[in-house]
Structure formats: C-alpha cells, structure tokens
Amino acid sequence: MAKKTVASLQKGEGKAFTKVIKMVKSEKTNSYTFKEEMVANEAVNDYFKK
C-alpha cells in the first residue's frame, strides 16, 4: 500500500510537499514519540525550528 501512496505523490502537485518526521519528548513519561506531517517544501526548515 505504501507504494501506491508514494507513487501518487510523485504526480502533479505531490512534488510540492515533503513528509517530515520529528521526534518529540513527552513530559509525562519522558519517552519519545514521532510526529509525522506533510509540509510544503518551502516550509520544511520552519517546521523544524519551532
């Protein structure tokens, strides 16, 4: 299934977005979780700065 998702993003406007994965530390359990989002190519650096 992942191949279909990736293949569909390669056509048209999907090339304008990047999937970013950020590691976030939980304050309650002190464990790390991963936060995934689709972000416009121009906003990738801003996403990691916040």
Protein backbone atom coordinates (compact mmCIF):
# COMPACT_ATOMS: atom_id res chain seq x y z
CA MET A 1 0.00 0.00 0.00
CA ALA A 2 2.81 2.40 0.74
CA LYS A 3 3.99 2.17 -2.85
CA LYS A 4 0.64 3.43 -4.11
CA THR A 5 0.77 6.41 -1.75
CA VAL A 6 4.30 7.33 -2.75
CA ALA A 7 3.56 6.84 -6.43
CA SER A 8 0.51 9.10 -6.26
CA LEU A 9 2.56 11.85 -4.60
CA GLN A 10 5.06 11.82 -7.48
CA LYS A 11 2.42 13.04 -9.93
CA GLY A 12 1.08 16.56 -10.14
CA GLU A 13 1.19 18.68 -7.01
CA GLY A 14 2.52 15.96 -4.72
CA LYS A 15 6.09 17.00 -5.54
CA ALA A 16 5.49 20.29 -3.72
CA PHE A 17 5.23 18.51 -0.35
CA THR A 18 7.67 16.65 1.88
CA LYS A 19 6.88 14.15 4.62
CA VAL A 20 8.70 15.25 7.78
CA ILE A 21 9.18 13.21 10.94
CA LYS A 22 10.02 14.98 14.18
CA MET A 23 10.98 13.33 17.47
CA VAL A 24 9.12 14.86 20.42
CA LYS A 25 9.76 14.10 24.09
CA SER A 26 6.70 13.51 26.27
CA GLU A 27 6.70 15.44 29.51
CA LYS A 28 4.60 12.88 31.37
CA THR A 29 6.53 9.70 30.62
CA ASN A 30 9.91 11.06 29.46
CA SER A 31 9.66 8.86 26.39
CA TYR A 32 10.00 9.96 22.78
CA THR A 33 7.25 9.88 20.18
CA PHE A 34 7.42 10.56 16.48
CA LYS A 35 5.24 13.21 14.86
CA GLU A 36 4.72 12.86 11.09
CA GLU A 37 3.31 15.58 8.85
CA MET A 38 3.15 16.57 5.21
CA VAL A 39 4.70 20.04 4.82
CA ALA A 40 5.25 22.26 1.79
CA ASN A 41 8.86 22.14 0.54
CA GLU A 42 9.40 25.82 1.38
CA ALA A 43 8.27 25.36 5.00
CA VAL A 44 10.45 22.39 5.97
CA ASN A 45 13.12 24.46 7.73
CA ASP A 46 10.50 26.50 9.60
CA TYR A 47 8.81 23.29 10.76
CA PHE A 48 11.98 22.03 12.46
CA LYS A 49 12.79 25.43 14.02
CA LYS A 50 9.56 25.55 16.06
